[in-house]
Protein backbone atom coordinates (compact mmCIF):
# COMPACT_ATOMS: atom_id res chain seq x y z
CA MET A 1 -171.41 124.68 112.41
CA SER A 2 -170.75 128.24 113.48
CA GLN A 3 -170.12 129.48 116.95
CA LYS A 4 -172.87 130.66 119.33
CA GLY A 5 -174.28 134.01 118.14
CA LYS A 6 -173.55 133.24 114.50
CA ARG A 7 -176.60 131.51 112.99
CA LEU A 8 -176.33 128.16 111.15
CA MET A 9 -178.50 129.73 108.45
CA SER A 10 -180.74 132.79 108.00
CA ILE A 11 -184.37 132.68 109.28
CA GLU A 12 -185.54 132.86 105.68
CA THR A 13 -183.50 129.69 104.75
CA LEU A 14 -184.83 127.98 107.98
CA LEU A 15 -188.42 128.45 106.65
CA ASN A 16 -187.70 126.65 103.25
CA GLY A 17 -188.74 123.24 104.59
CA GLU A 18 -187.39 120.44 106.79
CA SER A 19 -184.03 118.95 105.94
CA LYS A 20 -181.11 117.13 107.46
CA ASN A 21 -180.38 120.18 109.54
CA VAL A 22 -183.91 121.63 110.15
CA GLU A 23 -186.97 120.20 111.87
CA TYR A 24 -190.31 121.95 112.64
CA LYS A 25 -192.59 121.73 115.63
CA LEU A 26 -195.92 123.61 115.59
CA THR A 27 -195.74 123.92 119.44
CA PRO A 28 -193.41 122.32 121.99
CA PRO A 29 -194.91 118.76 122.47
CA SER A 30 -196.14 117.86 125.93
CA ARG A 31 -193.54 115.04 125.91
CA SER A 32 -190.20 116.76 125.49
CA ILE A 33 -188.57 113.56 124.13
CA ASN A 34 -190.29 114.29 120.89
CA TYR A 35 -187.78 117.06 120.27
CA THR A 36 -184.89 116.29 122.63
CA LYS A 37 -184.08 113.17 120.66
CA THR A 38 -183.75 115.48 117.56
CA ALA A 39 -181.40 117.62 119.56
CA VAL A 40 -179.33 114.55 120.28
CA ALA A 41 -179.33 113.62 116.59
CA PHE A 42 -178.14 117.07 115.64
CA ALA A 43 -175.31 116.92 118.17
CA ASN A 44 -174.32 113.52 116.87
CA GLY A 45 -174.25 114.89 113.30
CA GLN A 46 -173.59 118.17 111.61
CA GLY A 47 -175.72 120.27 113.98
CA GLY A 48 -179.06 121.72 113.22
CA CYS A 49 -182.03 123.83 114.23
CA LEU A 50 -185.33 123.03 115.85
CA VAL A 51 -187.86 125.63 114.74
CA PHE A 52 -190.99 126.03 116.93
CA GLY A 53 -194.07 127.73 115.59
CA VAL A 54 -194.08 126.35 112.04
CA GLU A 55 -196.36 123.62 110.62
CA ASP A 56 -194.18 121.04 108.93
CA GLN A 57 -196.51 119.86 106.18
CA THR A 58 -197.67 123.31 104.91
CA LEU A 59 -194.73 125.45 106.07
CA ARG A 60 -197.37 127.75 107.57
CA VAL A 61 -196.03 130.13 110.24
CA VAL A 62 -198.40 129.80 113.16
CA GLY A 63 -196.04 131.34 115.76
CA ILE A 64 -195.89 131.16 119.50
CA ALA A 65 -198.26 133.29 121.60
CA GLU A 66 -196.50 136.41 122.74
CA ASP A 67 -197.34 135.96 126.37
CA LYS A 68 -195.79 132.50 126.37
CA VAL A 69 -192.67 133.07 124.32
CA PHE A 70 -190.15 133.38 127.23
CA THR A 71 -191.82 130.56 129.13
CA VAL A 72 -191.54 128.23 126.11
CA MET A 73 -187.92 129.31 125.48
CA ASP A 74 -186.96 128.39 129.13
CA SER A 75 -188.81 125.04 128.91
CA ILE A 76 -187.15 124.10 125.68
CA SER A 77 -183.72 124.91 127.13
CA ASP A 78 -184.36 123.05 130.39
CA ALA A 79 -185.70 119.97 128.51
CA ILE A 80 -182.55 119.69 126.38
CA VAL A 81 -180.07 120.41 129.12
CA ASN A 82 -181.67 118.05 131.60
CA SER A 83 -182.53 115.21 129.21
CA CYS A 84 -179.34 114.84 127.17
CA GLU A 85 -176.02 113.34 128.04
CA PRO A 86 -173.30 114.51 127.67
CA LEU A 87 -174.53 118.02 128.27
CA ILE A 88 -176.04 119.81 125.25
CA ILE A 89 -176.49 123.58 125.62
CA PRO A 90 -178.76 125.01 122.81
CA ASP A 91 -178.59 128.55 121.44
CA ILE A 92 -182.21 129.62 121.71
CA THR A 93 -183.51 132.75 119.89
CA MET A 94 -186.80 134.21 118.81
CA HIS A 95 -187.61 135.81 115.41
CA ASP A 96 -190.44 137.89 114.04
CA VAL A 97 -191.86 136.45 110.80
CA ASN A 98 -194.70 138.52 109.31
CA GLY A 99 -195.80 139.65 112.79
CA LYS A 100 -195.58 136.19 114.38
CA THR A 101 -192.92 134.90 116.72
CA VAL A 102 -190.93 131.69 115.99
CA ILE A 103 -188.50 130.16 118.36
CA VAL A 104 -185.29 128.63 116.99
CA ALA A 105 -183.09 126.27 119.06
CA GLU A 106 -179.70 125.85 117.39
CA ILE A 107 -177.69 122.70 118.32
CA ALA A 108 -173.98 122.65 117.48
CA PRO A 109 -172.18 119.50 116.35
CA GLY A 110 -170.93 117.89 119.62
CA LEU A 111 -167.33 116.70 120.36
CA GLN A 112 -168.17 114.28 123.18
CA ARG A 113 -170.02 111.67 121.13
CA PRO A 114 -172.21 109.70 121.36
CA TYR A 115 -174.96 111.96 122.76
CA HIS A 116 -178.09 110.22 124.11
CA ILE A 117 -181.22 110.58 126.10
CA LYS A 118 -180.38 109.88 129.72
CA SER A 119 -183.56 108.05 130.68
CA LEU A 120 -183.20 105.66 127.76
CA GLY A 121 -179.43 104.85 128.11
CA GLN A 122 -176.87 104.95 125.44
CA GLU A 123 -177.99 101.80 123.56
CA GLN A 124 -181.59 102.87 123.20
CA GLY A 125 -181.23 106.65 123.56
CA THR A 126 -178.72 107.48 120.84
CA PHE A 127 -180.17 109.12 117.75
CA VAL A 128 -178.92 110.34 114.35
CA ARG A 129 -180.35 112.22 111.40
CA VAL A 130 -180.87 110.12 108.23
CA ALA A 131 -182.48 111.64 105.10
CA GLY A 132 -184.02 114.52 107.14
CA THR A 133 -185.57 112.30 109.83
CA THR A 134 -184.48 111.37 113.35
CA ARG A 135 -183.71 107.63 113.81
CA GLN A 136 -182.39 105.46 116.60
CA ALA A 137 -178.72 104.63 115.95
CA ASP A 138 -177.66 101.04 115.45
CA GLN A 139 -174.65 99.49 117.15
CA PRO A 140 -172.10 100.15 114.34
CA THR A 141 -173.15 103.82 114.32
CA ILE A 142 -172.79 104.10 118.06
CA ARG A 143 -169.32 102.50 117.87
CA GLU A 144 -168.41 105.02 115.19
CA LEU A 145 -169.67 107.92 117.36
CA THR A 146 -167.63 106.65 120.27
CA ILE A 147 -164.45 106.50 118.20
CA GLU A 148 -165.14 110.07 117.00
CA GLY A 149 -165.83 111.18 120.59
CA SER A 150 -162.55 109.77 121.77
CA ASN A 151 -160.63 111.58 119.03
CA ARG A 152 -159.23 108.20 117.83
CA SER A 153 -159.05 106.46 114.57
CA PHE A 154 -160.54 102.94 114.43
CA ASP A 155 -157.77 101.63 112.27
CA GLN A 156 -155.15 102.67 114.88
CA VAL A 157 -156.83 100.77 117.63
CA GLN A 158 -155.40 97.34 118.59
CA CYS A 159 -157.02 94.43 116.73
CA LEU A 160 -158.06 92.10 119.55
CA GLY A 161 -157.36 88.48 118.97
CA LEU A 162 -154.68 89.05 116.42
CA SER A 163 -150.96 88.59 116.99
CA VAL A 164 -147.92 89.41 114.92
CA THR A 165 -144.42 88.02 114.40
CA GLU A 166 -141.20 89.56 113.19
CA LYS A 167 -141.70 87.55 109.97
CA ASP A 168 -145.22 88.88 109.53
CA ILE A 169 -144.00 92.45 109.90
CA GLU A 170 -141.20 91.86 107.37
CA ALA A 171 -143.72 90.43 104.87
CA LEU A 172 -146.00 93.44 105.23
CA CYS A 173 -143.10 95.95 104.81
CA ALA A 174 -142.01 94.10 101.71
CA SER A 175 -145.50 94.08 100.24
CA LEU A 176 -146.07 97.82 100.81
CA THR A 177 -142.59 98.64 99.44
CA LYS A 178 -143.19 96.56 96.39
CA THR A 179 -146.53 98.29 95.66
CA ALA A 180 -144.93 101.74 96.13
CA LYS A 181 -142.21 100.91 93.67
CA ASN A 182 -144.68 99.51 91.13
CA ASN A 183 -146.69 102.74 91.39
CA ALA A 184 -143.73 105.11 91.39
CA GLU A 185 -142.39 106.93 88.29
CA ASP A 186 -138.89 106.35 89.67
CA PRO A 187 -138.82 103.17 91.82
CA ALA A 188 -135.26 103.91 92.91
CA LYS A 189 -136.43 106.91 94.95
CA VAL A 190 -138.83 104.80 97.04
CA LYS A 191 -137.70 104.18 100.53
CA THR A 192 -138.28 100.75 102.12
CA VAL A 193 -140.98 100.56 104.75
CA THR A 194 -139.68 99.76 108.20
CA GLU A 195 -141.15 98.53 111.51
CA LYS A 196 -140.56 102.03 112.80
CA GLN A 197 -142.65 103.43 110.02
CA LEU A 198 -145.51 101.12 110.66
CA LEU A 199 -145.45 102.19 114.34
CA GLN A 200 -145.47 105.86 113.38
CA TRP A 201 -148.45 105.33 111.00
CA GLY A 202 -150.43 103.29 113.59
CA VAL A 203 -150.37 100.02 111.70
CA LEU A 204 -148.53 98.62 114.73
CA ALA A 205 -148.82 99.64 118.37
CA GLU A 206 -146.80 98.98 121.51
CA GLN A 207 -148.32 97.31 124.55
CA ASP A 208 -146.30 96.20 127.61
CA GLY A 209 -143.16 96.35 125.56
CA GLN A 210 -144.56 94.19 122.85
CA LEU A 211 -145.60 95.00 119.26
CA VAL A 212 -149.31 94.37 118.59
CA PRO A 213 -151.21 94.66 115.37
CA THR A 214 -153.90 97.31 114.94
CA ASN A 215 -157.01 97.15 112.78
CA ALA A 216 -155.07 98.83 110.02
CA TYR A 217 -152.62 95.83 110.13
CA ALA A 218 -155.50 93.47 109.62
CA ILE A 219 -156.82 95.44 106.66
CA LEU A 220 -153.51 95.85 104.99
CA THR A 221 -152.75 92.09 105.25
CA GLY A 222 -156.25 91.06 104.16
CA ASN A 223 -156.94 89.33 107.52
CA THR A 224 -160.60 88.51 108.16
CA ALA A 225 -160.34 89.87 111.77
CA VAL A 226 -161.60 93.15 110.11
CA ARG A 227 -164.05 92.59 107.32
CA SER A 228 -163.02 94.18 104.01
CA VAL A 229 -165.02 93.04 100.98
CA VAL A 230 -165.89 94.63 97.67
CA GLN A 231 -169.05 93.33 95.89
CA CYS A 232 -169.29 94.01 92.08
CA GLY A 233 -172.25 93.45 89.86
CA VAL A 234 -173.63 94.21 86.39
CA PHE A 235 -177.38 94.85 86.25
CA LYS A 236 -179.84 94.95 83.31
CA GLY A 237 -181.61 98.25 83.17
CA THR A 238 -181.31 101.00 85.87
CA THR A 239 -182.17 99.01 89.06
CA LYS A 240 -180.98 95.91 90.78
CA ALA A 241 -184.04 93.93 89.78
CA VAL A 242 -182.16 91.80 87.14
CA PHE A 243 -178.43 91.06 87.54
CA VAL A 244 -176.31 89.92 84.69
CA ASP A 245 -173.14 89.06 86.63
CA ARG A 246 -171.76 89.54 90.19
CA ARG A 247 -168.54 88.90 92.02
CA GLU A 248 -167.29 89.32 95.54
CA PHE A 249 -163.63 90.26 96.19
CA THR A 250 -161.60 89.82 99.40
CA GLY A 251 -157.91 90.27 100.16
CA THR A 252 -155.43 93.06 100.70
CA PRO A 253 -156.33 96.61 99.64
CA GLN A 254 -153.98 96.32 96.61
CA GLU A 255 -155.88 93.16 95.52
CA LEU A 256 -159.33 94.79 96.09
CA ILE A 257 -158.35 97.87 94.13
CA GLU A 258 -157.01 95.87 91.12
CA GLU A 259 -159.69 93.24 90.93
CA SER A 260 -162.63 95.58 91.27
CA TYR A 261 -160.98 98.13 88.84
CA GLN A 262 -160.46 95.45 86.25
CA TYR A 263 -164.05 94.19 86.75
CA VAL A 264 -165.38 97.63 85.98
CA LEU A 265 -163.20 98.04 82.84
CA ARG A 266 -164.30 94.58 81.59
CA ASN A 267 -167.90 95.58 81.80
CA ILE A 268 -168.08 99.08 80.35
CA HIS A 269 -167.86 100.17 76.71
CA MET A 270 -164.62 101.12 74.97
CA GLY A 271 -164.17 103.12 71.87
CA ALA A 272 -161.29 104.61 69.88
CA ARG A 273 -160.20 108.11 69.03
CA PHE A 274 -157.82 108.95 66.13
CA LYS A 275 -155.11 111.56 66.16
CA GLY A 276 -153.80 111.53 62.61
CA VAL A 277 -152.96 107.89 61.88
CA TYR A 278 -152.69 106.92 65.49
CA ARG A 279 -155.46 105.19 67.34
CA GLN A 280 -156.15 105.63 71.05
CA ASP A 281 -158.54 103.37 72.97
CA VAL A 282 -160.97 105.28 75.07
CA TYR A 283 -163.34 104.06 77.73
CA GLU A 284 -166.76 105.67 78.07
CA ILE A 285 -165.84 106.47 81.77
CA PRO A 286 -162.27 107.76 82.43
CA PRO A 287 -160.34 104.82 84.03
CA ASP A 288 -158.41 107.16 86.30
CA ALA A 289 -161.65 108.39 87.75
CA ILE A 290 -162.86 104.83 88.25
CA ARG A 291 -159.72 103.91 90.03
CA GLU A 292 -159.72 107.01 92.19
CA LEU A 293 -163.26 106.37 93.41
CA ILE A 294 -162.40 102.71 94.27
CA VAL A 295 -159.32 103.81 96.15
CA ASN A 296 -161.32 106.51 97.98
CA ALA A 297 -163.98 104.04 99.01
CA ILE A 298 -161.42 101.49 100.36
CA VAL A 299 -159.36 104.00 102.32
CA HIS A 300 -162.19 106.13 103.69
CA ARG A 301 -164.98 103.55 104.30
CA SER A 302 -166.07 102.79 107.85
CA TYR A 303 -164.66 99.41 108.86
CA ILE A 304 -166.77 99.41 112.02
CA ASP A 305 -169.77 98.93 109.67
CA HIS A 306 -169.57 95.34 108.45
CA SER A 307 -171.30 96.20 105.17
CA SER A 308 -169.40 95.76 101.86
CA ILE A 309 -168.33 98.34 99.36
CA GLN A 310 -170.65 97.93 96.41
CA ILE A 311 -169.74 98.65 92.82
CA ALA A 312 -172.78 98.35 90.51
CA ILE A 313 -172.81 98.83 86.78
CA TYR A 314 -176.17 99.79 85.27
CA ASP A 315 -177.14 100.60 81.67
CA ASP A 316 -176.97 104.29 82.49
CA ARG A 317 -174.37 104.60 85.28
CA LEU A 318 -171.55 103.34 87.42
CA GLU A 319 -172.51 103.40 91.10
CA ILE A 320 -169.93 103.02 93.92
CA THR A 321 -171.30 102.84 97.58
CA SER A 322 -169.00 103.15 100.55
CA PRO A 323 -170.24 102.09 104.01
CA GLY A 324 -170.43 104.47 106.90
CA ARG A 325 -171.55 107.98 107.63
CA LEU A 326 -169.33 110.88 106.70
CA PRO A 327 -166.74 111.64 109.40
CA LEU A 328 -167.27 114.44 111.85
CA GLY A 329 -166.78 117.74 110.07
CA GLN A 330 -167.06 116.37 106.54
CA THR A 331 -169.92 117.19 104.20
CA ILE A 332 -170.58 116.28 100.48
CA GLU A 333 -170.27 120.02 99.67
CA ARG A 334 -166.84 120.33 101.35
CA MET A 335 -165.62 117.04 99.78
CA LYS A 336 -166.42 118.42 96.27
CA GLN A 337 -164.43 121.53 97.18
CA GLY A 338 -161.32 119.40 97.90
CA TYR A 339 -161.65 119.41 101.71
CA SER A 340 -160.37 116.08 103.16
CA LYS A 341 -161.37 114.52 106.42
CA ILE A 342 -159.42 111.35 107.14
CA ARG A 343 -161.40 108.59 108.84
CA ASN A 344 -158.69 106.02 108.77
CA GLU A 345 -155.38 107.65 109.66
CA ALA A 346 -153.08 104.73 109.37
CA LEU A 347 -154.57 103.48 106.13
CA ALA A 348 -154.35 106.99 104.59
CA SER A 349 -150.63 107.17 105.45
CA ALA A 350 -150.00 103.66 104.01
CA PHE A 351 -151.99 104.49 100.83
CA GLU A 352 -150.09 107.74 100.33
CA TYR A 353 -146.80 105.89 100.63
CA MET A 354 -147.95 103.27 98.12
CA GLY A 355 -148.85 106.02 95.63
CA TYR A 356 -152.61 105.46 95.61
CA ILE A 357 -153.17 108.98 97.22
CA GLU A 358 -151.12 111.95 95.83
CA HIS A 359 -152.40 114.82 97.97
CA TRP A 360 -155.14 114.45 100.61
CA GLY A 361 -158.35 116.05 99.38
CA SER A 362 -157.27 116.21 95.69
CA GLY A 363 -158.71 112.83 94.55
CA ILE A 364 -162.39 113.92 94.28
CA LEU A 365 -161.34 117.17 92.51
CA ARG A 366 -159.48 115.03 89.89
CA VAL A 367 -162.45 112.82 89.44
CA LEU A 368 -164.67 115.79 88.88
CA GLN A 369 -162.24 117.23 86.33
CA GLU A 370 -161.68 113.99 84.44
CA VAL A 371 -165.39 113.31 84.13
CA ARG A 372 -165.93 116.95 82.97
CA ASP A 373 -163.21 116.62 80.36
CA ALA A 374 -164.83 113.39 79.12
CA GLY A 375 -167.98 115.36 78.41
CA LEU A 376 -170.05 113.35 80.97
CA PRO A 377 -172.55 114.76 83.42
CA GLU A 378 -171.10 115.80 86.81
CA PRO A 379 -170.89 112.83 89.16
CA GLU A 380 -173.79 112.58 91.64
CA PHE A 381 -173.01 112.39 95.37
CA LEU A 382 -175.77 110.90 97.56
CA GLY A 383 -176.27 110.05 101.26
CA GLY A 384 -173.65 110.70 103.81
CA ASP A 385 -175.91 109.71 106.74
CA THR A 386 -175.38 105.96 106.69
CA ASP A 387 -173.20 105.58 103.58
CA LEU A 388 -171.85 107.52 100.64
CA ARG A 389 -172.90 106.77 97.08
CA ILE A 390 -171.30 108.24 93.92
CA ASN A 391 -172.83 107.83 90.49
CA ILE A 392 -171.02 108.50 87.25
CA TYR A 393 -173.53 108.51 84.36
CA ARG A 394 -172.43 106.66 81.20
CA ASN A 395 -172.12 108.34 77.89
CA GLY A 396 -173.17 105.28 75.71
CA SER A 397 -171.06 103.10 73.52
CA GLU A 398 -169.73 105.66 71.02
CA THR A 399 -166.71 107.87 71.20
CA GLY A 400 -165.88 110.60 68.73
CA SER A 401 -162.58 111.12 67.18
CA ASP A 402 -160.80 114.41 66.84
CA ASP A 403 -162.01 114.85 63.32
CA GLY A 404 -165.59 113.85 64.21
CA ILE A 405 -165.39 110.19 63.18
CA VAL A 406 -167.09 107.82 65.50
CA THR A 407 -165.55 104.49 65.83
CA GLY A 408 -168.45 102.69 67.51
CA LEU A 409 -166.38 100.35 69.53
CA ARG A 410 -167.75 98.35 72.42
CA ARG A 411 -165.88 96.31 75.03
CA ASP A 412 -166.49 92.62 75.65
CA SER A 413 -168.18 92.09 78.96
CA LEU A 414 -167.29 88.63 80.20
CA SER A 415 -167.98 87.64 83.74
CA ASP A 416 -165.03 86.26 85.69
CA ASP A 417 -166.50 82.79 85.49
CA GLY A 418 -166.51 82.87 81.71
CA ILE A 419 -170.17 83.77 81.10
CA VAL A 420 -170.67 86.04 78.12
CA THR A 421 -172.96 88.89 79.07
CA GLY A 422 -173.84 89.78 75.51
CA LEU A 423 -171.84 92.91 74.87
CA ARG A 424 -169.86 93.03 71.60
CA ARG A 425 -166.46 94.34 70.77
CA ASP A 426 -165.51 95.73 67.30
CA SER A 427 -161.82 95.47 66.48
CA LEU A 428 -159.85 97.59 64.10
CA SER A 429 -157.30 96.10 61.77
CA ASP A 430 -153.88 97.68 61.25
CA ASP A 431 -155.19 99.81 58.31
CA GLY A 432 -158.01 101.17 60.34
CA ILE A 433 -160.82 99.12 58.81
CA ALA A 434 -163.40 97.98 61.41
CA GLU A 435 -163.59 94.20 61.78
CA GLU A 436 -166.51 92.94 63.84
CA THR A 437 -165.53 90.05 66.09
CA THR A 438 -167.33 88.25 68.92
CA SER A 439 -165.54 87.00 72.04
CA LYS A 440 -166.72 83.66 73.37
CA THR A 441 -165.22 81.41 76.01
CA ASN A 442 -165.81 78.34 73.88
CA ALA A 443 -163.82 79.68 70.97
CA ALA A 444 -161.23 77.27 69.45
CA PRO A 445 -157.88 77.18 71.33
CA ASN A 446 -156.09 78.13 68.14
CA ALA A 447 -158.49 80.96 67.18
CA THR A 448 -156.55 83.81 65.70
CA ILE A 449 -156.04 86.94 67.92
CA THR A 450 -154.66 89.94 66.07
CA VAL A 451 -151.69 91.63 67.79
CA LEU A 452 -151.39 95.25 66.75
CA PRO A 453 -147.98 96.88 66.53
CA SER A 454 -149.30 99.77 68.61
CA GLN A 455 -150.21 97.39 71.38
CA LYS A 456 -146.73 95.84 71.44
CA GLU A 457 -145.20 99.34 71.59
CA ARG A 458 -147.38 100.36 74.54
CA ILE A 459 -146.19 97.25 76.47
CA LEU A 460 -142.53 97.90 75.53
CA ASP A 461 -142.86 101.51 76.66
CA ALA A 462 -144.20 100.30 79.98
CA LEU A 463 -141.37 97.70 80.28
CA ARG A 464 -138.79 100.48 79.69
CA LYS A 465 -140.26 102.62 82.51
CA ASN A 466 -140.70 99.84 85.06
CA VAL A 467 -138.52 97.07 86.40
CA SER A 468 -141.30 94.63 85.52
CA ILE A 469 -145.06 94.43 85.00
CA SER A 470 -147.76 91.88 85.80
CA ILE A 471 -150.46 90.51 83.54
CA SER A 472 -152.90 92.82 85.47
CA ASP A 473 -150.68 95.77 84.52
CA ALA A 474 -150.74 94.75 80.85
CA ILE A 475 -154.53 94.38 80.88
CA ARG A 476 -154.79 97.91 82.40
CA ILE A 477 -152.36 99.46 79.98
CA LEU A 478 -153.99 97.88 76.87
CA GLY A 479 -157.68 97.81 77.98
CA VAL A 480 -158.00 94.32 76.62
CA GLN A 481 -159.11 90.93 78.05
CA GLU A 482 -156.57 88.71 79.81
CA ARG A 483 -156.27 86.28 76.89
CA GLN A 484 -155.41 89.14 74.41
CA ALA A 485 -152.79 90.54 76.93
CA GLN A 486 -151.13 87.16 77.32
CA ARG A 487 -151.00 86.79 73.47
CA ILE A 488 -149.28 90.16 73.19
CA LEU A 489 -146.76 89.35 75.91
CA LYS A 490 -146.08 85.92 74.39
CA SER A 491 -145.45 87.60 71.03
CA LEU A 492 -142.89 89.89 72.68
CA ILE A 493 -141.17 87.03 74.41
CA GLU A 494 -141.03 85.13 71.08
CA GLU A 495 -139.38 88.19 69.46
CA GLY A 496 -136.77 88.45 72.20
CA SER A 497 -138.08 91.83 73.39
CA ALA A 498 -139.37 90.61 76.70
CA VAL A 499 -138.77 87.84 79.24
CA LYS A 500 -141.07 86.04 81.69
CA ILE A 501 -140.05 86.01 85.36
CA GLY A 502 -141.50 83.59 87.94
CA ALA A 503 -144.58 81.35 87.55
CA ALA A 504 -148.25 81.13 88.40
CA ARG A 505 -149.58 84.18 90.26
CA ALA A 506 -146.10 85.51 90.78
CA THR A 507 -145.41 85.74 87.07
CA ARG A 508 -144.04 89.10 85.87
CA TYR A 509 -142.56 90.44 82.57
CA ALA A 510 -139.46 92.56 82.02
CA GLU A 511 -137.66 94.03 79.05
CA ALA A 512 -135.16 91.49 77.88
CA LYS A 513 -132.10 93.67 77.83
CA LYS A 514 -132.73 94.79 81.39
CA ARG A 515 -133.13 91.51 83.18
CA THR A 516 -130.26 90.38 85.36
CA GLU A 517 -131.92 89.10 88.51
CA PRO A 518 -135.59 88.12 89.27
CA HIS A 519 -137.63 91.06 90.50
CA GLU A 520 -138.91 90.83 94.04
């Protein structure tokens, strides 16, 4: 919002219809609360203008009688100043539109949130703008506004009822460091996280000489003291009327990112592109864009709002919904231009260290570029008042090769509990001939799974670049189901090219010649 004297928008734009930032009143209502609550909503949001003298349904300019203009302007100003708390001072001006006078009361976004109607109290008198209408704020929204007004970050506030020991702190430092090394091009350059670093980020705080955990600590350790859930689902058609499969993931941010990312990859189509004699697997939606949006949702969501992140896969699109209104000063337009407004300061610092965020504000720009390069429609950004929803529209099951040949591959879409959702995958033999196969969970244990030389080479390349990899890493690198990834890794072990380290969920794989001691 601009400063006083510099209009939010031109009078011509103000007359284009009601919106999130514009509301019309034919005349000042006899009960001032009918417009002061909108002034409160504007102050709690991105600001806005009340336009008096315009009919909202027809956009007909009726105007305010000339002999009453100044009296009306004073009454509007007095009503807003006297009714709202903290103090809201409107910028009130009059404008001539085709010989008729309209009055515009401009409200700047406030810094002392939450604003409310005095007579109603904070709980009943706090209002916000949602989809161009003024609505009473619920408790999570009021808490969010309170955090904004105190210039604090919710994730840096002490997590009440949660305690921490030295052993707990050491475990978190080790977990963050391990993730950072796994995500780094050169793990040797990654510095180990320390207790001091956690304090600096706001993951820990000091109280009465003792270390206490903040909400960020609870989130980073997957503690249920702060709800952090990702709900994933596959739906038939373009609505939620009929679901094919659904899962709910909980845990640390690292686990949420990996599990939801793999879920999406398992349930979208995959094709192949040829460059000469080499085949490259290609997903219909760029995997890096998918991962970036999931990371963005987890680090920037409102954790005051107890809703879940929702990832929905429809026939025509991938939809990711992140709970919480956009932070103060952020808009969808600014987001798409690369402007970053950090809601969770401690999480953002930890995510940057772990390699999930490269440069603040660059993530959405990368998503836009990757989707554009894939020949898909530009992602759709919706909401911002109560949540943020981003749609990436799917391109169908076919992918063209550089020479115009379409491989027509589709990815198996198995639910995590083994239910086949009916999608089919075509496989290519080593000589490039398409062989149609169907993946079923009840296949014979000794059913043949073809291991391509190119798949082995991709895993070996990853092993050369990293100290070790997990089965999830192999699935991501190859873009295959877990069973296929396990078969490829087993083949490399049998050849003596790779070794298995650890057991059960801690299992990792390393290049045979590099292994000396088990990886942390």
